[in-house]
Amino acid sequence: MKPVIVGTYDLGGEPVKLWLRPGTGGSCRGRGHEKMTRMEIGADHDDWSDIFEVALHEATEFVGVRLGCQYSPFVDYSQDMTARLIVQTHAQHSEICARAGAFLADCYDDLKAAWKRWKKDQR
């Protein structure tokens, strides 16, 4: 299946275009030609909770990076996100949760409906 747009939602004051795509896991990509961040959630999970967990992960990671909580312990020419740390104070953690929570509340119904259609179309 081809990726499908779920919608565009505010995440910490920035528009984010949310997509479902084949596979599992998730990613956020820079602004590109659309001039906004593209968040992709792999839709090939059997449980809704897995979809929501990936969306939660991507949203909190995105906000943490935007708040300057990203730390690279060494020069990383590969730009591999798995080599980075997200370090935050308690106040920053609260802010990350607030921004990500508002985003997830806003996109929840649309994301769940899009995922259900995705699963139905796979049959």
C-alpha atoms as a PDB file:
ATOM      1  CA  MET A   1       0.000   0.000   0.000  1.00  0.00           C
ATOM      2  CA  LYS A   2       1.003   3.595  -0.547  1.00  0.00           C
ATOM      3  CA  PRO A   3       1.379   6.037   2.351  1.00  0.00           C
ATOM      4  CA  VAL A   4      -1.810   7.938   3.206  1.00  0.00           C
ATOM      5  CA  ILE A   5      -2.205  11.353   4.795  1.00  0.00           C
ATOM      6  CA  VAL A   6      -4.002  11.358   8.135  1.00  0.00           C
ATOM      7  CA  GLY A   7      -3.994  15.146   8.463  1.00  0.00           C
ATOM      8  CA  THR A   8      -2.031  18.183   9.586  1.00  0.00           C
ATOM      9  CA  TYR A   9      -1.844  18.936  13.311  1.00  0.00           C
ATOM     10  CA  ASP A  10      -0.112  21.402  15.602  1.00  0.00           C
ATOM     11  CA  LEU A  11       2.801  19.977  17.577  1.00  0.00           C
ATOM     12  CA  GLY A  12       4.299  22.551  19.905  1.00  0.00           C
ATOM     13  CA  GLY A  13       3.468  25.487  17.663  1.00  0.00           C
ATOM     14  CA  GLU A  14       4.539  23.831  14.416  1.00  0.00           C
ATOM     15  CA  PRO A  15       2.371  22.176  11.776  1.00  0.00           C
ATOM     16  CA  VAL A  16       3.120  18.479  11.333  1.00  0.00           C
ATOM     17  CA  LYS A  17       1.683  16.421   8.481  1.00  0.00           C
ATOM     18  CA  LEU A  18       0.875  12.957   9.838  1.00  0.00           C
ATOM     19  CA  TRP A  19       1.029   9.936   7.518  1.00  0.00           C
ATOM     20  CA  LEU A  20       0.450   6.200   7.748  1.00  0.00           C
ATOM     21  CA  ARG A  21       2.878   4.118   5.725  1.00  0.00           C
ATOM     22  CA  PRO A  22       3.677   0.446   5.175  1.00  0.00           C
ATOM     23  CA  GLY A  23       5.892  -1.203   7.767  1.00  0.00           C
ATOM     24  CA  THR A  24       6.353  -0.600  11.457  1.00  0.00           C
ATOM     25  CA  GLY A  25       8.108   2.030  13.549  1.00  0.00           C
ATOM     26  CA  GLY A  26       8.036   5.717  12.790  1.00  0.00           C
ATOM     27  CA  SER A  27      10.010   8.720  11.677  1.00  0.00           C
ATOM     28  CA  CYS A  28       9.949  12.501  11.467  1.00  0.00           C
ATOM     29  CA  ARG A  29      11.518  14.237   8.519  1.00  0.00           C
ATOM     30  CA  GLY A  30      12.429  17.854   8.034  1.00  0.00           C
ATOM     31  CA  ARG A  31      10.349  20.450   6.338  1.00  0.00           C
ATOM     32  CA  GLY A  32      11.274  19.741   2.715  1.00  0.00           C
ATOM     33  CA  HIS A  33       9.206  21.138  -0.137  1.00  0.00           C
ATOM     34  CA  GLU A  34       6.005  21.078   1.902  1.00  0.00           C
ATOM     35  CA  LYS A  35       7.552  23.515   4.401  1.00  0.00           C
ATOM     36  CA  MET A  36       6.415  21.388   7.325  1.00  0.00           C
ATOM     37  CA  THR A  37       7.558  18.335   9.226  1.00  0.00           C
ATOM     38  CA  ARG A  38       6.329  14.963   7.989  1.00  0.00           C
ATOM     39  CA  MET A  39       5.681  12.347  10.675  1.00  0.00           C
ATOM     40  CA  GLU A  40       5.228   8.806   9.395  1.00  0.00           C
ATOM     41  CA  ILE A  41       3.755   5.955  11.413  1.00  0.00           C
ATOM     42  CA  GLY A  42       4.149   2.376  10.205  1.00  0.00           C
ATOM     43  CA  ALA A  43       0.617   0.961   9.988  1.00  0.00           C
ATOM     44  CA  ASP A  44       1.418  -2.749   9.805  1.00  0.00           C
ATOM     45  CA  HIS A  45       0.630  -3.527  13.438  1.00  0.00           C
ATOM     46  CA  ASP A  46      -2.174  -5.750  14.672  1.00  0.00           C
ATOM     47  CA  ASP A  47      -2.934  -3.680  17.784  1.00  0.00           C
ATOM     48  CA  TRP A  48      -4.014  -0.040  17.966  1.00  0.00           C
ATOM     49  CA  SER A  49      -1.850   0.382  21.064  1.00  0.00           C
ATOM     50  CA  ASP A  50       1.262  -0.210  18.919  1.00  0.00           C
ATOM     51  CA  ILE A  51       0.240   2.567  16.509  1.00  0.00           C
ATOM     52  CA  PHE A  52      -0.411   4.943  19.399  1.00  0.00           C
ATOM     53  CA  GLU A  53       2.919   4.067  21.053  1.00  0.00           C
ATOM     54  CA  VAL A  54       4.810   4.932  17.862  1.00  0.00           C
ATOM     55  CA  ALA A  55       2.931   8.245  17.552  1.00  0.00           C
ATOM     56  CA  LEU A  56       3.708   9.017  21.207  1.00  0.00           C
ATOM     57  CA  HIS A  57       7.390   8.185  20.698  1.00  0.00           C
ATOM     58  CA  GLU A  58       7.717  10.348  17.577  1.00  0.00           C
ATOM     59  CA  ALA A  59       5.828  13.279  19.102  1.00  0.00           C
ATOM     60  CA  THR A  60       7.853  13.354  22.322  1.00  0.00           C
ATOM     61  CA  GLU A  61      11.133  12.910  20.443  1.00  0.00           C
ATOM     62  CA  PHE A  62      10.252  15.742  18.040  1.00  0.00           C
ATOM     63  CA  VAL A  63       9.396  18.140  20.868  1.00  0.00           C
ATOM     64  CA  GLY A  64      12.487  17.143  22.854  1.00  0.00           C
ATOM     65  CA  VAL A  65      14.701  17.952  19.887  1.00  0.00           C
ATOM     66  CA  ARG A  66      12.898  21.262  19.305  1.00  0.00           C
ATOM     67  CA  LEU A  67      13.419  22.228  22.968  1.00  0.00           C
ATOM     68  CA  GLY A  68      17.153  21.606  22.669  1.00  0.00           C
ATOM     69  CA  CYS A  69      17.202  18.420  24.728  1.00  0.00           C
ATOM     70  CA  GLN A  70      19.101  16.439  22.106  1.00  0.00           C
ATOM     71  CA  TYR A  71      22.694  15.618  22.959  1.00  0.00           C
ATOM     72  CA  SER A  72      25.302  13.855  20.866  1.00  0.00           C
ATOM     73  CA  PRO A  73      28.112  12.468  23.029  1.00  0.00           C
ATOM     74  CA  PHE A  74      30.552  12.510  20.070  1.00  0.00           C
ATOM     75  CA  VAL A  75      30.890  14.011  16.606  1.00  0.00           C
ATOM     76  CA  ASP A  76      28.429  12.006  14.524  1.00  0.00           C
ATOM     77  CA  TYR A  77      29.018  12.402  10.803  1.00  0.00           C
ATOM     78  CA  SER A  78      26.341   9.809  10.019  1.00  0.00           C
ATOM     79  CA  GLN A  79      23.626  11.843  11.777  1.00  0.00           C
ATOM     80  CA  ASP A  80      22.295   8.591  13.263  1.00  0.00           C
ATOM     81  CA  MET A  81      19.514   9.438  15.742  1.00  0.00           C
ATOM     82  CA  THR A  82      20.145   6.200  17.621  1.00  0.00           C
ATOM     83  CA  ALA A  83      23.518   7.631  18.697  1.00  0.00           C
ATOM     84  CA  ARG A  84      21.858  10.626  20.349  1.00  0.00           C
ATOM     85  CA  LEU A  85      20.492  11.170  23.814  1.00  0.00           C
ATOM     86  CA  ILE A  86      17.463  13.155  24.876  1.00  0.00           C
ATOM     87  CA  VAL A  87      18.410  14.813  28.184  1.00  0.00           C
ATOM     88  CA  GLN A  88      15.764  16.836  29.964  1.00  0.00           C
ATOM     89  CA  THR A  89      14.966  18.519  33.222  1.00  0.00           C
ATOM     90  CA  HIS A  90      11.701  17.772  34.981  1.00  0.00           C
ATOM     91  CA  ALA A  91      10.281  21.073  33.711  1.00  0.00           C
ATOM     92  CA  GLN A  92      11.293  20.189  30.142  1.00  0.00           C
ATOM     93  CA  HIS A  93       9.725  16.753  30.545  1.00  0.00           C
ATOM     94  CA  SER A  94       6.463  18.407  31.603  1.00  0.00           C
ATOM     95  CA  GLU A  95       6.594  20.702  28.567  1.00  0.00           C
ATOM     96  CA  ILE A  96       7.318  17.802  26.218  1.00  0.00           C
ATOM     97  CA  CYS A  97       4.382  15.848  27.650  1.00  0.00           C
ATOM     98  CA  ALA A  98       2.050  18.851  27.373  1.00  0.00           C
ATOM     99  CA  ARG A  99       2.921  19.545  23.739  1.00  0.00           C
ATOM    100  CA  ALA A 100       2.880  15.902  22.680  1.00  0.00           C
ATOM    101  CA  GLY A 101      -0.336  15.273  24.626  1.00  0.00           C
ATOM    102  CA  ALA A 102      -2.158  18.108  22.876  1.00  0.00           C
ATOM    103  CA  PHE A 103      -0.964  16.791  19.497  1.00  0.00           C
ATOM    104  CA  LEU A 104      -2.074  13.239  20.280  1.00  0.00           C
ATOM    105  CA  ALA A 105      -5.476  14.373  21.556  1.00  0.00           C
ATOM    106  CA  ASP A 106      -5.959  16.362  18.360  1.00  0.00           C
ATOM    107  CA  CYS A 107      -5.011  13.578  15.925  1.00  0.00           C
ATOM    108  CA  TYR A 108      -6.250  10.555  17.922  1.00  0.00           C
ATOM    109  CA  ASP A 109      -9.637  10.012  16.240  1.00  0.00           C
ATOM    110  CA  ASP A 110      -8.320  10.667  12.724  1.00  0.00           C
ATOM    111  CA  LEU A 111      -5.292   8.410  13.216  1.00  0.00           C
ATOM    112  CA  LYS A 112      -7.387   5.576  14.603  1.00  0.00           C
ATOM    113  CA  ALA A 113      -9.930   5.850  11.773  1.00  0.00           C
ATOM    114  CA  ALA A 114      -7.158   5.944   9.136  1.00  0.00           C
ATOM    115  CA  TRP A 115      -5.492   2.887  10.675  1.00  0.00           C
ATOM    116  CA  LYS A 116      -8.791   0.970  10.722  1.00  0.00           C
ATOM    117  CA  ARG A 117      -9.302   1.784   7.007  1.00  0.00           C
ATOM    118  CA  TRP A 118      -5.711   0.693   6.354  1.00  0.00           C
ATOM    119  CA  LYS A 119      -6.297  -2.675   8.044  1.00  0.00           C
ATOM    120  CA  LYS A 120      -9.611  -3.142   6.187  1.00  0.00           C
ATOM    121  CA  ASP A 121      -8.004  -2.336   2.817  1.00  0.00           C
ATOM    122  CA  GLN A 122      -5.321  -4.968   3.429  1.00  0.00           C
ATOM    123  CA  ARG A 123      -7.864  -7.775   3.547  1.00  0.00           C
END
